[in-house]
Protein backbone atom coordinates (compact mmCIF):
# COMPACT_ATOMS: atom_id res chain seq x y z
CA MET A 1 -10.14 -12.37 17.27
CA THR A 2 -6.45 -11.64 16.76
CA LEU A 3 -5.07 -12.64 13.40
CA ARG A 4 -2.40 -15.27 13.87
CA GLN A 5 0.12 -14.79 11.11
CA GLN A 6 3.73 -15.65 10.33
CA ILE A 7 5.89 -13.89 7.77
CA VAL A 8 8.28 -16.35 6.12
CA GLY A 9 10.94 -16.21 3.43
CA ASN A 10 13.83 -13.89 2.69
CA ALA A 11 14.17 -12.28 -0.73
CA MET A 12 10.43 -12.37 -1.37
CA GLN A 13 8.45 -12.89 1.79
CA MET A 14 5.04 -14.46 2.29
CA ALA A 15 2.42 -14.14 5.03
CA VAL A 16 0.85 -17.37 6.26
CA CYS A 17 -2.33 -16.69 8.28
CA SER A 18 -4.06 -19.17 10.60
CA LEU A 19 -7.81 -18.54 10.79
CA ASP A 20 -10.10 -19.58 13.63
CA PRO A 21 -13.52 -20.98 12.65
CA GLY A 22 -15.61 -18.12 11.29
CA GLN A 23 -12.67 -15.70 11.14
CA THR A 24 -12.32 -13.66 7.93
CA VAL A 25 -9.31 -12.04 6.30
CA TYR A 26 -9.35 -10.14 3.02
CA CYS A 27 -6.72 -9.26 0.42
CA GLU A 28 -6.36 -7.21 -2.69
CA ALA A 29 -6.99 -9.21 -5.85
CA GLY A 30 -3.75 -10.79 -7.04
CA LYS A 31 -2.09 -11.17 -3.62
CA PHE A 32 -3.55 -14.63 -2.75
CA LEU A 33 -1.19 -17.64 -2.79
CA PHE A 34 -2.86 -20.71 -1.27
CA LYS A 35 -5.49 -21.89 1.21
CA THR A 36 -6.69 -25.04 2.90
CA ALA A 37 -9.85 -26.67 1.56
CA ASN A 38 -12.05 -25.54 4.47
CA VAL A 39 -11.37 -21.84 3.78
CA GLY A 40 -14.05 -20.34 1.56
CA MET A 41 -13.20 -17.60 -0.92
CA GLU A 42 -15.53 -14.78 -2.01
CA THR A 43 -14.78 -11.85 -4.33
CA ARG A 44 -16.52 -8.54 -3.59
CA LEU A 45 -16.38 -5.05 -5.03
CA GLY A 46 -17.27 -3.49 -1.66
CA GLY A 47 -14.54 -3.21 0.94
CA PRO A 48 -14.85 -3.67 4.71
CA GLY A 49 -17.42 -1.36 6.24
CA ASN A 50 -19.64 -1.64 3.17
CA THR A 51 -22.16 -4.46 3.48
CA ALA A 52 -22.91 -4.69 -0.25
CA ARG A 53 -22.01 -8.16 -1.47
CA GLN A 54 -22.26 -9.98 -4.74
CA GLY A 55 -24.06 -13.30 -4.68
CA PRO A 56 -25.59 -15.28 -1.80
CA GLY A 57 -25.60 -13.67 1.63
CA ALA A 58 -26.26 -10.13 0.45
CA GLN A 59 -27.90 -8.12 3.20
CA GLY A 60 -31.24 -6.50 2.71
CA GLY A 61 -32.60 -3.47 4.55
CA GLY A 62 -35.25 -2.49 2.02
CA MET A 63 -34.91 -0.52 -1.18
CA GLY A 64 -33.31 2.45 0.61
CA GLY A 65 -30.71 0.27 2.30
CA MET A 66 -29.88 -1.47 -0.96
CA LEU A 67 -29.51 1.88 -2.71
CA ARG A 68 -27.18 3.19 0.00
CA GLN A 69 -25.10 0.02 -0.21
CA ALA A 70 -24.88 0.27 -3.99
CA MET A 71 -23.88 3.93 -3.82
CA GLY A 72 -21.25 3.18 -1.18
CA THR A 73 -19.81 0.38 -3.27
CA ALA A 74 -19.80 2.55 -6.41
CA MET A 75 -17.93 5.28 -4.54
CA GLN A 76 -15.33 2.82 -3.26
CA VAL A 77 -14.86 1.31 -6.71
CA GLY A 78 -14.59 4.77 -8.27
CA GLN A 79 -11.92 5.86 -5.78
CA ARG A 80 -9.92 2.69 -6.37
CA ALA A 81 -10.20 3.03 -10.15
CA LEU A 82 -9.01 6.63 -9.94
CA ALA A 83 -6.09 5.54 -7.78
CA GLY A 84 -5.16 2.73 -10.18
CA GLU A 85 -5.89 0.04 -7.58
CA SER A 86 -7.57 -3.29 -8.29
CA LEU A 87 -11.37 -3.01 -8.22
CA ALA A 88 -12.14 -6.07 -6.09
CA PHE A 89 -11.21 -7.66 -2.77
CA GLN A 90 -11.04 -11.37 -2.04
CA TYR A 91 -12.39 -12.54 1.34
CA PHE A 92 -11.37 -15.80 3.03
CA THR A 93 -13.35 -17.38 5.88
CA ALA A 94 -12.56 -20.59 7.74
CA ALA A 95 -15.43 -23.04 8.29
CA GLY A 96 -15.63 -26.26 10.32
CA GLY A 97 -12.27 -25.81 12.00
CA GLU A 98 -9.05 -23.85 11.76
CA GLY A 99 -7.87 -22.87 8.29
CA THR A 100 -4.74 -21.52 6.65
CA VAL A 101 -4.34 -18.98 3.86
CA GLY A 102 -1.17 -17.51 2.36
CA PHE A 103 -0.50 -14.13 0.70
CA ALA A 104 2.44 -12.39 -0.97
CA GLY A 105 3.37 -9.05 -2.50
CA VAL A 106 4.28 -8.55 -6.14
CA LEU A 107 7.92 -7.42 -5.81
CA PRO A 108 11.03 -8.92 -4.17
CA GLY A 109 11.16 -7.48 -0.68
CA GLU A 110 9.88 -7.50 2.88
CA MET A 111 6.46 -7.72 4.47
CA ARG A 112 5.27 -6.21 7.72
CA ALA A 113 2.27 -6.84 9.98
CA LEU A 114 0.90 -3.61 11.51
CA GLU A 115 -1.35 -3.77 14.57
CA LEU A 116 -4.11 -1.14 14.66
CA ASN A 117 -5.72 -0.38 18.03
CA GLY A 118 -8.23 2.19 16.77
CA SER A 119 -6.34 5.24 18.05
CA ARG A 120 -4.21 5.95 14.96
CA ALA A 121 -4.64 5.31 11.28
CA TRP A 122 -1.81 4.15 9.02
CA PHE A 123 -1.06 5.43 5.52
CA ALA A 124 0.80 3.38 2.93
CA GLU A 125 2.05 3.84 -0.60
CA LYS A 126 -0.11 2.70 -3.49
CA ASP A 127 -0.01 -1.12 -3.90
CA ALA A 128 1.57 -1.72 -0.45
CA PHE A 129 -1.57 -3.42 0.92
CA VAL A 130 -1.54 -7.23 0.98
CA ALA A 131 -4.16 -8.47 3.45
CA ALA A 132 -6.01 -7.56 6.65
CA GLU A 133 -8.57 -8.69 9.16
CA GLU A 134 -12.16 -7.81 8.29
CA SER A 135 -12.18 -5.35 11.22
CA VAL A 136 -9.62 -3.18 9.40
CA ARG A 137 -11.14 -0.62 7.03
CA PHE A 138 -9.35 0.12 3.77
CA GLY A 139 -9.62 3.53 2.10
CA ILE A 140 -7.92 5.82 -0.41
CA ALA A 141 -6.38 9.14 0.65
CA PHE A 142 -5.18 11.86 -1.69
CA ALA A 143 -2.28 14.03 -0.59
CA GLY A 144 -3.61 17.03 -2.53
CA GLY A 145 -3.44 18.29 -6.08
CA ARG A 146 -0.29 20.40 -5.75
CA GLN A 147 1.62 17.67 -3.94
CA GLY A 148 0.31 15.05 -6.33
CA MET A 149 1.58 16.86 -9.41
CA SER A 150 5.12 16.99 -8.02
CA GLY A 151 5.16 14.03 -5.65
CA GLY A 152 4.79 11.13 -8.06
CA GLU A 153 3.95 7.93 -6.19
CA GLY A 154 3.24 9.78 -2.96
CA PHE A 155 0.10 11.46 -4.33
CA ILE A 156 -2.18 8.46 -3.76
CA LEU A 157 -2.07 6.79 -0.38
CA GLU A 158 -3.82 3.77 1.08
CA LYS A 159 -5.43 4.44 4.47
CA PHE A 160 -6.10 1.82 7.14
CA THR A 161 -8.36 2.48 10.13
CA GLY A 162 -10.18 0.41 12.74
CA THR A 163 -8.65 -2.37 14.81
CA GLY A 164 -6.76 -5.51 13.92
CA THR A 165 -3.86 -6.65 11.79
CA VAL A 166 -2.98 -5.29 8.35
CA ILE A 167 -0.14 -6.76 6.30
CA ILE A 168 1.83 -4.59 3.88
CA ALA A 169 4.71 -5.30 1.49
CA GLY A 170 7.50 -3.28 -0.11
CA ALA A 171 10.55 -3.66 -2.31
CA GLY A 172 14.01 -4.47 -0.97
CA ASN A 173 14.61 -4.11 2.76
CA PHE A 174 12.73 -1.99 5.31
CA ILE A 175 14.12 0.61 7.68
CA ASP A 176 12.09 2.15 10.52
CA LEU A 177 12.61 5.82 11.35
CA ASN A 178 10.97 8.49 13.47
CA PRO A 179 11.41 12.08 12.20
CA ALA A 180 11.43 13.23 15.84
CA ASP A 181 14.80 11.49 16.24
CA PHE A 182 16.25 13.59 13.42
CA GLY A 183 15.16 17.07 14.36
CA GLY A 184 11.51 16.49 13.47
CA ARG A 185 11.89 16.22 9.70
CA ILE A 186 13.33 13.83 7.12
CA GLU A 187 13.52 14.16 3.33
CA VAL A 188 13.02 11.01 1.28
CA ASP A 189 12.98 9.84 -2.33
CA THR A 190 9.27 9.76 -3.16
CA GLY A 191 9.51 6.11 -4.23
CA CYS A 192 11.07 4.93 -0.95
CA ILE A 193 8.08 5.55 1.35
CA VAL A 194 6.22 2.39 2.35
CA ALA A 195 3.99 3.52 5.23
CA PHE A 196 3.68 5.98 8.12
CA GLU A 197 1.47 6.56 11.14
CA GLU A 198 -1.24 9.15 11.35
CA GLY A 199 0.26 12.30 12.86
CA ILE A 200 3.14 12.38 10.40
CA GLN A 201 2.79 15.30 7.99
CA TYR A 202 3.55 14.34 4.39
CA GLY A 203 4.67 16.93 1.87
CA VAL A 204 6.72 17.47 -1.27
CA GLN A 205 9.52 19.97 -1.81
CA ARG A 206 11.54 20.97 -4.84
CA ILE A 207 15.21 19.96 -4.87
CA GLY A 208 17.08 23.26 -4.84
CA GLY A 209 16.11 26.43 -6.63
CA LEU A 210 16.25 27.46 -10.25
CA ASN A 211 20.00 27.91 -10.06
CA ARG A 212 23.03 25.97 -11.25
CA GLN A 213 23.03 23.49 -8.36
CA GLY A 214 19.27 23.00 -8.55
CA ILE A 215 19.52 22.17 -12.24
CA MET A 216 22.45 19.81 -11.57
CA ASN A 217 20.39 18.00 -8.91
CA ALA A 218 17.39 17.62 -11.20
CA VAL A 219 19.28 16.60 -14.34
CA PHE A 220 22.11 14.47 -12.97
CA GLY A 221 21.07 13.55 -9.44
CA GLY A 222 18.69 10.74 -10.29
CA GLU A 223 15.89 12.07 -8.04
CA GLY A 224 14.07 14.31 -10.51
CA LEU A 225 12.74 17.64 -9.26
CA SER A 226 11.22 16.74 -5.88
CA LEU A 227 11.70 14.98 -2.55
CA ALA A 228 9.04 13.84 -0.12
CA THR A 229 9.11 15.38 3.35
CA LEU A 230 7.93 13.62 6.52
CA GLU A 231 7.54 15.64 9.72
CA GLY A 232 6.31 14.92 13.23
CA ASN A 233 6.57 12.19 15.83
CA GLY A 234 5.62 8.70 14.68
CA GLN A 235 6.78 5.56 12.93
CA VAL A 236 7.85 5.74 9.29
CA ILE A 237 8.72 2.66 7.19
CA LEU A 238 11.00 3.15 4.18
CA GLN A 239 12.10 0.67 1.51
CA SER A 240 15.58 0.32 0.03
CA MET A 241 14.40 -0.29 -3.53
CA THR A 242 12.08 1.77 -5.73
CA ILE A 243 9.89 0.35 -8.47
CA GLU A 244 11.53 2.69 -11.00
CA GLY A 245 14.98 1.61 -9.85
CA LEU A 246 14.06 -2.06 -10.23
CA ALA A 247 12.56 -1.45 -13.69
CA ASN A 248 15.69 0.41 -14.84
CA ALA A 249 17.96 -2.34 -13.50
CA LEU A 250 15.98 -5.00 -15.38
CA LYS A 251 16.07 -2.97 -18.61
CA LYS A 252 19.81 -2.48 -18.24
CA ALA A 253 20.34 -6.23 -17.69
CA GLN A 254 18.36 -6.91 -20.87
CA GLY A 255 20.37 -4.40 -22.87
CA GLY A 256 17.45 -2.00 -23.06
CA ASP A 257 18.58 0.67 -20.60
CA LYS A 258 17.33 4.06 -21.74
CA GLN A 259 18.36 5.95 -18.63
CA GLY A 260 21.78 6.92 -19.94
CA PRO A 261 24.64 8.10 -17.77
CA THR A 262 22.78 10.99 -16.18
CA GLY A 263 19.56 9.71 -14.63
CA GLY A 264 17.37 12.49 -13.26
CA LEU A 265 15.18 14.17 -15.85
CA PHE A 266 16.79 12.10 -18.61
CA SER A 267 15.55 8.89 -17.05
CA THR A 268 12.81 7.19 -19.07
CA HIS A 269 10.69 4.32 -17.82
CA ALA A 270 7.41 2.69 -18.68
CA GLY A 271 4.63 4.51 -16.92
């Protein structure tokens, strides 16, 4: 079944999904808004592709099957805990007729429905995931220790595989780019990446060298020490607002701005 969904709103968008009888969509805990009465809700620790469930309807398969399910669930939960993601998913299934369920992100901004056909995975920034069809598998990808130490938010990525619709959200407005249209490579503030297709190479580079201009960039430029690099041929989705930028703007409006006139390395924010 194809997920019928409509993204509505402007400054803070919502996704309204129409479910056929028996159709299931899942979301990260905290992204649910509303549902019709005939849509059942179930909270599970195991994500799609793991049959371990809590409560009625748990599948059997003998002691060995139960052990494998438990180990698979524990691994998923451990990865999500390490990544700072919520530990549970909420599943919504329509019964006795068509149903409606609504979801939203957690920041003012846009939403986007991505269609997976099984040929390419998608990667998204941490916390971008909102909801997806049950046929879409959710996973955690790590960019690598060296990149993670310098890349900030880009270290931990959400990975979507399989077929079907996945809905993501970001802050501010979206812009779609393809590095192939810009000589094969673009350099981006690490907090501005929302999602990109498999086949795009993600990396992190230092801004300048250990010289006068490099120090000026790091201390006064507002970007810190590193930029994310995206190379290859494929779709990239960027956002116009970063979480750090929003947090600093709110602190400034409340008279609690600690960034000072320089930004960069002198910027302080709750982490």
